[in-house]
Amino acid sequence: MQPEILLENLRERDAGDLQTLAMSVGWNFTLGQAGLFLAAKGTVLGYRHGGQLIASAGLYTYGRKLASLGIVIVHRAYQRKGFAKRIVTECLREAERADSPVTLVATEQGFPLYQSLGFRTVGQVHRFESDSIPFGGMETREANASMLEASDLLDVLRLDETAFGANRHGVYEAQFRFMHAGAVLRDGLGTVSGFAICVRRDDLLVIGPVIAPSGTVAINLVRSLCSEWKGRVRIDVPNEQDSFKEQLLKWGFREKMVSPVMIFGATHLPGARSQLFGLADPVFG
C-alpha cells in the first residue's frame, strides 16, 4: 500500500527537511536560511510523502494590511502533479481568513501559476550582486553608522511599518536572531532614522532590509555592513529606487535578475515605499 500524502504545518525542527527540498530544485539554501523562514511566525505548510517533504509554501500575515507568500517549492520528482497549486491555494485560504491581501516576488517558473490564480503584477525587484567589497575609497558626508543593538527593535519596527505599510514584528524577531550584523543611523536626538540588516549564507552576505530617508543614507548603511566582509554581497532592490541602483552599479555591483512583484486582493502595495531600498527577503515581501 502506497503511503499517504499528508499536509502539515512546518516548524523550526523541520529546517533540515526544508533545506533538502530547496536543494532538490537547485536552490542554494543554507540551514540558517531555512531556520529563519520557519522562525518568522508565518504559516509554513508542507506536503509529505512517506516522511519526505515534497512541497512547501509559506504565508506571513502582517495583520489585515498585507501578507507575503513565499518558499513555494515542489520536489522535481513531484512537479506537474498539481502540488504547487494545491499548497498555494491553502495559503490563500489562510489569507482570506485573515482578510489580508497577499504579495509575492515571483520566479519565472511560478509566474504562470500566480497569474492563473488572480495575482497581478504591480512592480519589479532587481537583484544586485558583487563578488568582492565594492566600497573602497568611497567618500560620504553622512554620519557614520553604528552597530544595530537588540534595544533598537522598537525603532526598527516603527521605521519598517512606515515604509512597508504593515507591522512585521515576527519577521524582525527572527531577523534579529539570525542576522550576521546590522547598522543604524541616528539623528541628533539619538533616534534611529535608517537601518540595514544582513545575514550570512556561507560566503554570501545578503543585505536587507534597508530602510532610509534617502539613497545616500541607504548606500552608507550598505557600505557599513560591507566594511569588514571578505566575499560576495547581494541585495534585492525595488524598481522605484533608480538613484540607489545607479549608485550600486557605480560601486561595482552587477544586476543579476529582475523579478515581478505581484499582489492578490488589492491594487497596490501599502506604505511609504520611497523609503524601502532593500527587501528583507523576497519571502517576506
C-alpha atoms as a PDB file:
ATOM      1  CA  MET A   1       0.000   0.000   0.000  1.00  0.00           C
ATOM      2  CA  GLN A   2       1.345   3.447  -1.005  1.00  0.00           C
ATOM      3  CA  PRO A   3       1.946   5.919   1.865  1.00  0.00           C
ATOM      4  CA  GLU A   4      -0.466   8.842   2.101  1.00  0.00           C
ATOM      5  CA  ILE A   5       0.496  12.346   1.028  1.00  0.00           C
ATOM      6  CA  LEU A   6      -0.137  14.472   4.116  1.00  0.00           C
ATOM      7  CA  LEU A   7      -0.350  18.246   4.596  1.00  0.00           C
ATOM      8  CA  GLU A   8       1.242  19.615   7.775  1.00  0.00           C
ATOM      9  CA  ASN A   9       2.445  22.806   9.407  1.00  0.00           C
ATOM     10  CA  LEU A  10       6.242  23.004   9.368  1.00  0.00           C
ATOM     11  CA  ARG A  11       8.190  24.071  12.460  1.00  0.00           C
ATOM     12  CA  GLU A  12      11.780  25.097  13.153  1.00  0.00           C
ATOM     13  CA  ARG A  13      12.676  21.443  13.712  1.00  0.00           C
ATOM     14  CA  ASP A  14      11.878  20.893  10.015  1.00  0.00           C
ATOM     15  CA  ALA A  15      14.621  23.270   8.803  1.00  0.00           C
ATOM     16  CA  GLY A  16      16.803  20.415   7.553  1.00  0.00           C
ATOM     17  CA  ASP A  17      13.934  18.960   5.522  1.00  0.00           C
ATOM     18  CA  LEU A  18      13.126  22.372   4.018  1.00  0.00           C
ATOM     19  CA  GLN A  19      16.785  22.861   3.106  1.00  0.00           C
ATOM     20  CA  THR A  20      16.863  19.442   1.413  1.00  0.00           C
ATOM     21  CA  LEU A  21      13.682  20.225  -0.532  1.00  0.00           C
ATOM     22  CA  ALA A  22      15.076  23.555  -1.736  1.00  0.00           C
ATOM     23  CA  MET A  23      18.334  21.951  -2.822  1.00  0.00           C
ATOM     24  CA  SER A  24      16.371  19.324  -4.797  1.00  0.00           C
ATOM     25  CA  VAL A  25      15.279  22.093  -7.201  1.00  0.00           C
ATOM     26  CA  GLY A  26      18.681  23.798  -7.316  1.00  0.00           C
ATOM     27  CA  TRP A  27      18.076  26.495  -4.696  1.00  0.00           C
ATOM     28  CA  ASN A  28      21.205  27.056  -2.630  1.00  0.00           C
ATOM     29  CA  PHE A  29      19.536  27.159   0.802  1.00  0.00           C
ATOM     30  CA  THR A  30      21.619  27.179   3.943  1.00  0.00           C
ATOM     31  CA  LEU A  31      20.286  25.592   7.129  1.00  0.00           C
ATOM     32  CA  GLY A  32      20.201  29.038   8.738  1.00  0.00           C
ATOM     33  CA  GLN A  33      18.133  30.412   5.861  1.00  0.00           C
ATOM     34  CA  ALA A  34      15.592  27.615   6.250  1.00  0.00           C
ATOM     35  CA  GLY A  35      15.573  28.224  10.010  1.00  0.00           C
ATOM     36  CA  LEU A  36      14.892  31.945   9.503  1.00  0.00           C
ATOM     37  CA  PHE A  37      11.898  31.252   7.261  1.00  0.00           C
ATOM     38  CA  LEU A  38      10.454  28.812   9.791  1.00  0.00           C
ATOM     39  CA  ALA A  39      11.101  31.075  12.793  1.00  0.00           C
ATOM     40  CA  ALA A  40       9.404  34.188  11.407  1.00  0.00           C
ATOM     41  CA  LYS A  41       5.926  33.388  12.786  1.00  0.00           C
ATOM     42  CA  GLY A  42       4.369  32.568   9.450  1.00  0.00           C
ATOM     43  CA  THR A  43       2.170  29.656   8.405  1.00  0.00           C
ATOM     44  CA  VAL A  44       4.566  27.360   6.549  1.00  0.00           C
ATOM     45  CA  LEU A  45       2.821  24.354   5.016  1.00  0.00           C
ATOM     46  CA  GLY A  46       4.382  21.182   3.677  1.00  0.00           C
ATOM     47  CA  TYR A  47       3.266  18.046   1.867  1.00  0.00           C
ATOM     48  CA  ARG A  48       4.992  14.837   2.947  1.00  0.00           C
ATOM     49  CA  HIS A  49       5.023  11.514   1.150  1.00  0.00           C
ATOM     50  CA  GLY A  50       6.381   8.615   3.147  1.00  0.00           C
ATOM     51  CA  GLY A  51       8.012  11.062   5.552  1.00  0.00           C
ATOM     52  CA  GLN A  52       9.773  13.001   2.766  1.00  0.00           C
ATOM     53  CA  LEU A  53       8.972  16.683   2.382  1.00  0.00           C
ATOM     54  CA  ILE A  54       7.883  17.037  -1.257  1.00  0.00           C
ATOM     55  CA  ALA A  55       6.332  20.544  -1.359  1.00  0.00           C
ATOM     56  CA  SER A  56       6.231  23.710   0.711  1.00  0.00           C
ATOM     57  CA  ALA A  57       4.761  27.214   0.829  1.00  0.00           C
ATOM     58  CA  GLY A  58       4.811  29.921   3.491  1.00  0.00           C
ATOM     59  CA  LEU A  59       2.335  32.682   4.239  1.00  0.00           C
ATOM     60  CA  TYR A  60       3.439  35.547   6.506  1.00  0.00           C
ATOM     61  CA  THR A  61       0.444  37.609   7.624  1.00  0.00           C
ATOM     62  CA  TYR A  62       1.007  41.167   8.854  1.00  0.00           C
ATOM     63  CA  GLY A  63      -2.456  41.957  10.168  1.00  0.00           C
ATOM     64  CA  ARG A  64      -5.153  42.940   7.678  1.00  0.00           C
ATOM     65  CA  LYS A  65      -2.902  45.268   5.684  1.00  0.00           C
ATOM     66  CA  LEU A  66      -0.745  42.701   3.871  1.00  0.00           C
ATOM     67  CA  ALA A  67       0.558  39.144   3.799  1.00  0.00           C
ATOM     68  CA  SER A  68       3.511  37.706   1.896  1.00  0.00           C
ATOM     69  CA  LEU A  69       3.711  34.364   0.099  1.00  0.00           C
ATOM     70  CA  GLY A  70       6.996  32.567  -0.456  1.00  0.00           C
ATOM     71  CA  ILE A  71       9.030  29.338  -0.230  1.00  0.00           C
ATOM     72  CA  VAL A  72       6.794  27.773  -2.903  1.00  0.00           C
ATOM     73  CA  ILE A  73       8.837  24.678  -3.752  1.00  0.00           C
ATOM     74  CA  VAL A  74       7.898  21.311  -5.243  1.00  0.00           C
ATOM     75  CA  HIS A  75      10.422  18.463  -5.421  1.00  0.00           C
ATOM     76  CA  ARG A  76      11.431  17.720  -9.013  1.00  0.00           C
ATOM     77  CA  ALA A  77      10.009  14.200  -8.811  1.00  0.00           C
ATOM     78  CA  TYR A  78       6.566  15.587  -7.888  1.00  0.00           C
ATOM     79  CA  GLN A  79       6.304  18.542 -10.250  1.00  0.00           C
ATOM     80  CA  ARG A  80       3.470  18.906 -12.779  1.00  0.00           C
ATOM     81  CA  LYS A  81       1.124  16.979 -10.496  1.00  0.00           C
ATOM     82  CA  GLY A  82      -0.765  19.967  -9.096  1.00  0.00           C
ATOM     83  CA  PHE A  83       1.030  20.260  -5.759  1.00  0.00           C
ATOM     84  CA  ALA A  84       2.085  23.896  -6.262  1.00  0.00           C
ATOM     85  CA  LYS A  85      -1.476  24.997  -6.982  1.00  0.00           C
ATOM     86  CA  ARG A  86      -2.861  22.960  -4.088  1.00  0.00           C
ATOM     87  CA  ILE A  87      -0.461  24.323  -1.492  1.00  0.00           C
ATOM     88  CA  VAL A  88      -0.670  27.932  -2.717  1.00  0.00           C
ATOM     89  CA  THR A  89      -4.468  27.678  -2.625  1.00  0.00           C
ATOM     90  CA  GLU A  90      -4.231  26.537   1.008  1.00  0.00           C
ATOM     91  CA  CYS A  91      -2.164  29.648   1.784  1.00  0.00           C
ATOM     92  CA  LEU A  92      -4.673  31.898   0.031  1.00  0.00           C
ATOM     93  CA  ARG A  93      -7.450  30.393   2.165  1.00  0.00           C
ATOM     94  CA  GLU A  94      -5.422  31.331   5.239  1.00  0.00           C
ATOM     95  CA  ALA A  95      -5.042  34.893   3.917  1.00  0.00           C
ATOM     96  CA  GLU A  96      -8.789  35.062   3.248  1.00  0.00           C
ATOM     97  CA  ARG A  97      -9.476  34.098   6.863  1.00  0.00           C
ATOM     98  CA  ALA A  98      -7.156  36.946   7.925  1.00  0.00           C
ATOM     99  CA  ASP A  99      -8.867  39.291   5.417  1.00  0.00           C
ATOM    100  CA  SER A 100      -5.452  40.257   4.067  1.00  0.00           C
ATOM    101  CA  PRO A 101      -4.205  40.953   0.524  1.00  0.00           C
ATOM    102  CA  VAL A 102      -1.182  38.862  -0.484  1.00  0.00           C
ATOM    103  CA  THR A 103       2.030  39.916  -2.190  1.00  0.00           C
ATOM    104  CA  LEU A 104       4.868  37.813  -3.591  1.00  0.00           C
ATOM    105  CA  VAL A 105       8.024  38.028  -5.664  1.00  0.00           C
ATOM    106  CA  ALA A 106       7.528  35.548  -8.492  1.00  0.00           C
ATOM    107  CA  THR A 107      10.045  33.189 -10.020  1.00  0.00           C
ATOM    108  CA  GLU A 108       9.935  32.631 -13.762  1.00  0.00           C
ATOM    109  CA  GLN A 109       8.560  29.130 -13.181  1.00  0.00           C
ATOM    110  CA  GLY A 110       5.898  30.265 -10.722  1.00  0.00           C
ATOM    111  CA  PHE A 111       4.618  33.316 -12.598  1.00  0.00           C
ATOM    112  CA  PRO A 112       2.031  31.494 -14.791  1.00  0.00           C
ATOM    113  CA  LEU A 113       0.522  29.773 -11.735  1.00  0.00           C
ATOM    114  CA  TYR A 114       0.188  33.000  -9.774  1.00  0.00           C
ATOM    115  CA  GLN A 115      -1.300  34.781 -12.764  1.00  0.00           C
ATOM    116  CA  SER A 116      -3.861  31.987 -13.208  1.00  0.00           C
ATOM    117  CA  LEU A 117      -4.879  32.340  -9.544  1.00  0.00           C
ATOM    118  CA  GLY A 118      -5.586  36.059  -9.915  1.00  0.00           C
ATOM    119  CA  PHE A 119      -2.317  37.727  -8.891  1.00  0.00           C
ATOM    120  CA  ARG A 120      -1.491  40.963 -10.738  1.00  0.00           C
ATOM    121  CA  THR A 121       1.963  42.433 -11.392  1.00  0.00           C
ATOM    122  CA  VAL A 122       2.480  45.725  -9.541  1.00  0.00           C
ATOM    123  CA  GLY A 123       6.251  46.177  -9.693  1.00  0.00           C
ATOM    124  CA  GLN A 124       9.672  44.605 -10.010  1.00  0.00           C
ATOM    125  CA  VAL A 125      12.612  43.700  -7.797  1.00  0.00           C
ATOM    126  CA  HIS A 126      16.192  43.927  -9.087  1.00  0.00           C
ATOM    127  CA  ARG A 127      18.841  41.613  -7.644  1.00  0.00           C
ATOM    128  CA  PHE A 128      22.315  43.124  -7.432  1.00  0.00           C
ATOM    129  CA  GLU A 129      25.485  41.199  -6.587  1.00  0.00           C
ATOM    130  CA  SER A 130      29.161  41.949  -6.124  1.00  0.00           C
ATOM    131  CA  ASP A 131      31.994  39.420  -5.983  1.00  0.00           C
ATOM    132  CA  SER A 132      34.006  41.492  -3.515  1.00  0.00           C
ATOM    133  CA  ILE A 133      33.774  44.551  -1.284  1.00  0.00           C
ATOM    134  CA  PRO A 134      32.901  47.382  -3.684  1.00  0.00           C
ATOM    135  CA  PHE A 135      33.250  50.459  -1.488  1.00  0.00           C
ATOM    136  CA  GLY A 136      36.991  51.080  -1.153  1.00  0.00           C
ATOM    137  CA  GLY A 137      37.793  54.788  -1.134  1.00  0.00           C
ATOM    138  CA  MET A 138      34.160  55.834  -1.164  1.00  0.00           C
ATOM    139  CA  GLU A 139      33.521  59.278   0.266  1.00  0.00           C
ATOM    140  CA  THR A 140      30.346  60.212   2.107  1.00  0.00           C
ATOM    141  CA  ARG A 141      29.136  63.248   4.005  1.00  0.00           C
ATOM    142  CA  GLU A 142      26.701  61.212   6.067  1.00  0.00           C
ATOM    143  CA  ALA A 143      27.276  60.470   9.725  1.00  0.00           C
ATOM    144  CA  ASN A 144      28.901  57.137  10.452  1.00  0.00           C
ATOM    145  CA  ALA A 145      26.590  54.225  11.075  1.00  0.00           C
ATOM    146  CA  SER A 146      26.665  52.416  14.396  1.00  0.00           C
ATOM    147  CA  MET A 147      26.003  48.805  15.268  1.00  0.00           C
ATOM    148  CA  LEU A 148      22.391  47.655  15.494  1.00  0.00           C
ATOM    149  CA  GLU A 149      21.511  46.561  19.034  1.00  0.00           C
ATOM    150  CA  ALA A 150      18.675  44.425  20.414  1.00  0.00           C
ATOM    151  CA  SER A 151      17.335  47.551  22.110  1.00  0.00           C
ATOM    152  CA  ASP A 152      16.778  49.126  18.676  1.00  0.00           C
ATOM    153  CA  LEU A 153      13.974  46.675  17.792  1.00  0.00           C
ATOM    154  CA  LEU A 154      11.102  49.092  18.503  1.00  0.00           C
ATOM    155  CA  ASP A 155      12.709  51.869  16.422  1.00  0.00           C
ATOM    156  CA  VAL A 156      13.340  49.407  13.601  1.00  0.00           C
ATOM    157  CA  LEU A 157       9.726  48.203  13.703  1.00  0.00           C
ATOM    158  CA  ARG A 158       8.481  51.797  13.611  1.00  0.00           C
ATOM    159  CA  LEU A 159      10.519  52.638  10.513  1.00  0.00           C
ATOM    160  CA  ASP A 160       9.657  49.368   8.801  1.00  0.00           C
ATOM    161  CA  GLU A 161       5.926  49.766   9.400  1.00  0.00           C
ATOM    162  CA  THR A 162       6.038  53.242   7.853  1.00  0.00           C
ATOM    163  CA  ALA A 163       7.975  52.100   4.772  1.00  0.00           C
ATOM    164  CA  PHE A 164       6.449  48.640   4.285  1.00  0.00           C
ATOM    165  CA  GLY A 165       2.937  49.559   5.358  1.00  0.00           C
ATOM    166  CA  ALA A 166       2.352  46.754   7.853  1.00  0.00           C
ATOM    167  CA  ASN A 167       3.761  45.523  11.171  1.00  0.00           C
ATOM    168  CA  ARG A 168       6.272  42.683  10.660  1.00  0.00           C
ATOM    169  CA  HIS A 169       7.135  42.073  14.300  1.00  0.00           C
ATOM    170  CA  GLY A 170       7.541  38.307  13.881  1.00  0.00           C
ATOM    171  CA  VAL A 171       9.854  38.719  10.900  1.00  0.00           C
ATOM    172  CA  TYR A 172      12.112  41.124  12.770  1.00  0.00           C
ATOM    173  CA  GLU A 173      12.294  38.989  15.891  1.00  0.00           C
ATOM    174  CA  ALA A 174      13.598  36.201  13.639  1.00  0.00           C
ATOM    175  CA  GLN A 175      15.878  38.599  11.720  1.00  0.00           C
ATOM    176  CA  PHE A 176      17.484  39.749  14.966  1.00  0.00           C
ATOM    177  CA  ARG A 177      18.102  36.093  15.933  1.00  0.00           C
ATOM    178  CA  PHE A 178      19.673  35.085  12.619  1.00  0.00           C
ATOM    179  CA  MET A 179      21.368  38.300  11.460  1.00  0.00           C
ATOM    180  CA  HIS A 180      25.100  38.464  10.807  1.00  0.00           C
ATOM    181  CA  ALA A 181      25.216  42.206  11.512  1.00  0.00           C
ATOM    182  CA  GLY A 182      23.116  45.344  11.470  1.00  0.00           C
ATOM    183  CA  ALA A 183      23.758  49.052  11.115  1.00  0.00           C
ATOM    184  CA  VAL A 184      21.739  52.123  12.158  1.00  0.00           C
ATOM    185  CA  LEU A 185      21.983  55.853  11.594  1.00  0.00           C
ATOM    186  CA  ARG A 186      20.689  58.189  14.292  1.00  0.00           C
ATOM    187  CA  ASP A 187      19.538  61.789  14.243  1.00  0.00           C
ATOM    188  CA  GLY A 188      20.746  64.468  16.627  1.00  0.00           C
ATOM    189  CA  LEU A 189      18.412  63.195  19.340  1.00  0.00           C
ATOM    190  CA  GLY A 190      19.701  59.642  19.048  1.00  0.00           C
ATOM    191  CA  THR A 191      16.560  58.340  17.307  1.00  0.00           C
ATOM    192  CA  VAL A 192      17.102  55.730  14.607  1.00  0.00           C
ATOM    193  CA  SER A 193      16.483  57.344  11.195  1.00  0.00           C
ATOM    194  CA  GLY A 194      17.648  54.463   8.982  1.00  0.00           C
ATOM    195  CA  PHE A 195      18.857  50.893   9.307  1.00  0.00           C
ATOM    196  CA  ALA A 196      20.110  47.866   7.398  1.00  0.00           C
ATOM    197  CA  ILE A 197      20.424  44.206   8.373  1.00  0.00           C
ATOM    198  CA  CYS A 198      22.384  41.402   6.755  1.00  0.00           C
ATOM    199  CA  VAL A 199      22.511  37.623   7.047  1.00  0.00           C
ATOM    200  CA  ARG A 200      25.350  35.336   6.072  1.00  0.00           C
ATOM    201  CA  ARG A 201      24.849  32.401   3.704  1.00  0.00           C
ATOM    202  CA  ASP A 202      28.232  30.688   3.540  1.00  0.00           C
ATOM    203  CA  ASP A 203      30.441  33.090   1.525  1.00  0.00           C
ATOM    204  CA  LEU A 204      27.482  35.299   0.519  1.00  0.00           C
ATOM    205  CA  LEU A 205      26.398  38.354   2.527  1.00  0.00           C
ATOM    206  CA  VAL A 206      22.715  39.085   1.891  1.00  0.00           C
ATOM    207  CA  ILE A 207      21.795  42.660   2.807  1.00  0.00           C
ATOM    208  CA  GLY A 208      18.193  43.528   3.595  1.00  0.00           C
ATOM    209  CA  PRO A 209      16.077  45.127   4.690  1.00  0.00           C
ATOM    210  CA  VAL A 210      17.479  48.580   4.027  1.00  0.00           C
ATOM    211  CA  ILE A 211      15.207  51.433   5.106  1.00  0.00           C
ATOM    212  CA  ALA A 212      16.426  55.016   4.944  1.00  0.00           C
ATOM    213  CA  PRO A 213      15.255  58.597   4.305  1.00  0.00           C
ATOM    214  CA  SER A 214      17.440  58.877   1.168  1.00  0.00           C
ATOM    215  CA  GLY A 215      19.545  56.869  -1.254  1.00  0.00           C
ATOM    216  CA  THR A 216      22.730  58.421   0.138  1.00  0.00           C
ATOM    217  CA  VAL A 217      21.866  57.212   3.625  1.00  0.00           C
ATOM    218  CA  ALA A 218      20.982  53.787   2.220  1.00  0.00           C
ATOM    219  CA  ILE A 219      24.320  53.466   0.395  1.00  0.00           C
ATOM    220  CA  ASN A 220      26.147  54.484   3.581  1.00  0.00           C
ATOM    221  CA  LEU A 221      24.350  51.755   5.539  1.00  0.00           C
ATOM    222  CA  VAL A 222      25.219  49.146   2.913  1.00  0.00           C
ATOM    223  CA  ARG A 223      28.816  50.329   2.920  1.00  0.00           C
ATOM    224  CA  SER A 224      28.955  49.992   6.704  1.00  0.00           C
ATOM    225  CA  LEU A 225      27.804  46.359   6.562  1.00  0.00           C
ATOM    226  CA  CYS A 226      30.359  45.560   3.846  1.00  0.00           C
ATOM    227  CA  SER A 227      33.318  47.228   5.552  1.00  0.00           C
ATOM    228  CA  GLU A 228      34.803  44.059   7.077  1.00  0.00           C
ATOM    229  CA  TRP A 229      33.276  41.457   4.754  1.00  0.00           C
ATOM    230  CA  LYS A 230      35.524  39.327   2.507  1.00  0.00           C
ATOM    231  CA  GLY A 231      33.230  37.739  -0.048  1.00  0.00           C
ATOM    232  CA  ARG A 232      30.183  38.126  -2.259  1.00  0.00           C
ATOM    233  CA  VAL A 233      27.392  40.586  -1.488  1.00  0.00           C
ATOM    234  CA  ARG A 234      23.732  40.565  -2.599  1.00  0.00           C
ATOM    235  CA  ILE A 235      20.834  42.997  -2.242  1.00  0.00           C
ATOM    236  CA  ASP A 236      17.288  42.981  -3.695  1.00  0.00           C
ATOM    237  CA  VAL A 237      16.190  46.498  -4.667  1.00  0.00           C
ATOM    238  CA  PRO A 238      12.657  47.721  -5.522  1.00  0.00           C
ATOM    239  CA  ASN A 239      12.262  49.026  -9.068  1.00  0.00           C
ATOM    240  CA  GLU A 240      11.450  52.574  -7.930  1.00  0.00           C
ATOM    241  CA  GLN A 241      14.902  53.200  -6.440  1.00  0.00           C
ATOM    242  CA  ASP A 242      16.626  54.348  -9.648  1.00  0.00           C
ATOM    243  CA  SER A 243      19.261  56.551  -7.994  1.00  0.00           C
ATOM    244  CA  PHE A 244      20.184  53.849  -5.479  1.00  0.00           C
ATOM    245  CA  LYS A 245      20.508  51.264  -8.259  1.00  0.00           C
ATOM    246  CA  GLU A 246      22.790  53.630 -10.177  1.00  0.00           C
ATOM    247  CA  GLN A 247      24.987  54.056  -7.103  1.00  0.00           C
ATOM    248  CA  LEU A 248      25.250  50.276  -6.654  1.00  0.00           C
ATOM    249  CA  LEU A 249      26.329  49.920 -10.289  1.00  0.00           C
ATOM    250  CA  LYS A 250      28.874  52.716  -9.799  1.00  0.00           C
ATOM    251  CA  TRP A 251      30.432  50.899  -6.856  1.00  0.00           C
ATOM    252  CA  GLY A 252      30.853  47.588  -8.679  1.00  0.00           C
ATOM    253  CA  PHE A 253      27.572  45.715  -8.231  1.00  0.00           C
ATOM    254  CA  ARG A 254      26.006  43.934 -11.206  1.00  0.00           C
ATOM    255  CA  GLU A 255      22.331  43.403 -11.880  1.00  0.00           C
ATOM    256  CA  LYS A 256      21.765  39.641 -11.921  1.00  0.00           C
ATOM    257  CA  MET A 257      17.997  39.221 -12.134  1.00  0.00           C
ATOM    258  CA  VAL A 258      14.710  41.108 -12.347  1.00  0.00           C
ATOM    259  CA  SER A 259      11.601  39.516 -10.788  1.00  0.00           C
ATOM    260  CA  PRO A 260       7.947  40.615 -10.890  1.00  0.00           C
ATOM    261  CA  VAL A 261       6.223  41.731  -7.697  1.00  0.00           C
ATOM    262  CA  MET A 262       2.609  40.553  -7.663  1.00  0.00           C
ATOM    263  CA  ILE A 263      -0.444  41.153  -5.488  1.00  0.00           C
ATOM    264  CA  PHE A 264      -3.745  39.382  -4.855  1.00  0.00           C
ATOM    265  CA  GLY A 265      -6.763  41.066  -3.259  1.00  0.00           C
ATOM    266  CA  ALA A 266      -5.589  44.662  -3.742  1.00  0.00           C
ATOM    267  CA  THR A 267      -4.386  47.011  -6.480  1.00  0.00           C
ATOM    268  CA  HIS A 268      -1.184  48.335  -4.927  1.00  0.00           C
ATOM    269  CA  LEU A 269       1.295  47.823  -2.106  1.00  0.00           C
ATOM    270  CA  PRO A 270       0.862  49.847   1.114  1.00  0.00           C
ATOM    271  CA  GLY A 271       3.449  52.015   2.833  1.00  0.00           C
ATOM    272  CA  ALA A 272       5.885  54.833   2.060  1.00  0.00           C
ATOM    273  CA  ARG A 273       7.824  52.716  -0.423  1.00  0.00           C
ATOM    274  CA  SER A 274      10.241  55.533  -1.294  1.00  0.00           C
ATOM    275  CA  GLN A 275      11.999  54.710   1.997  1.00  0.00           C
ATOM    276  CA  LEU A 276      12.439  50.993   1.208  1.00  0.00           C
ATOM    277  CA  PHE A 277      15.769  50.425  -0.579  1.00  0.00           C
ATOM    278  CA  GLY A 278      16.373  46.728   0.057  1.00  0.00           C
ATOM    279  CA  LEU A 279      13.992  43.849   0.756  1.00  0.00           C
ATOM    280  CA  ALA A 280      14.272  41.831   3.962  1.00  0.00           C
ATOM    281  CA  ASP A 281      13.926  38.785   1.691  1.00  0.00           C
ATOM    282  CA  PRO A 282      11.583  38.137  -1.241  1.00  0.00           C
ATOM    283  CA  VAL A 283       9.856  35.579   1.013  1.00  0.00           C
ATOM    284  CA  PHE A 284       8.834  38.365   3.428  1.00  0.00           C
ATOM    285  CA  GLY A 285       7.600  40.824   0.803  1.00  0.00           C
END
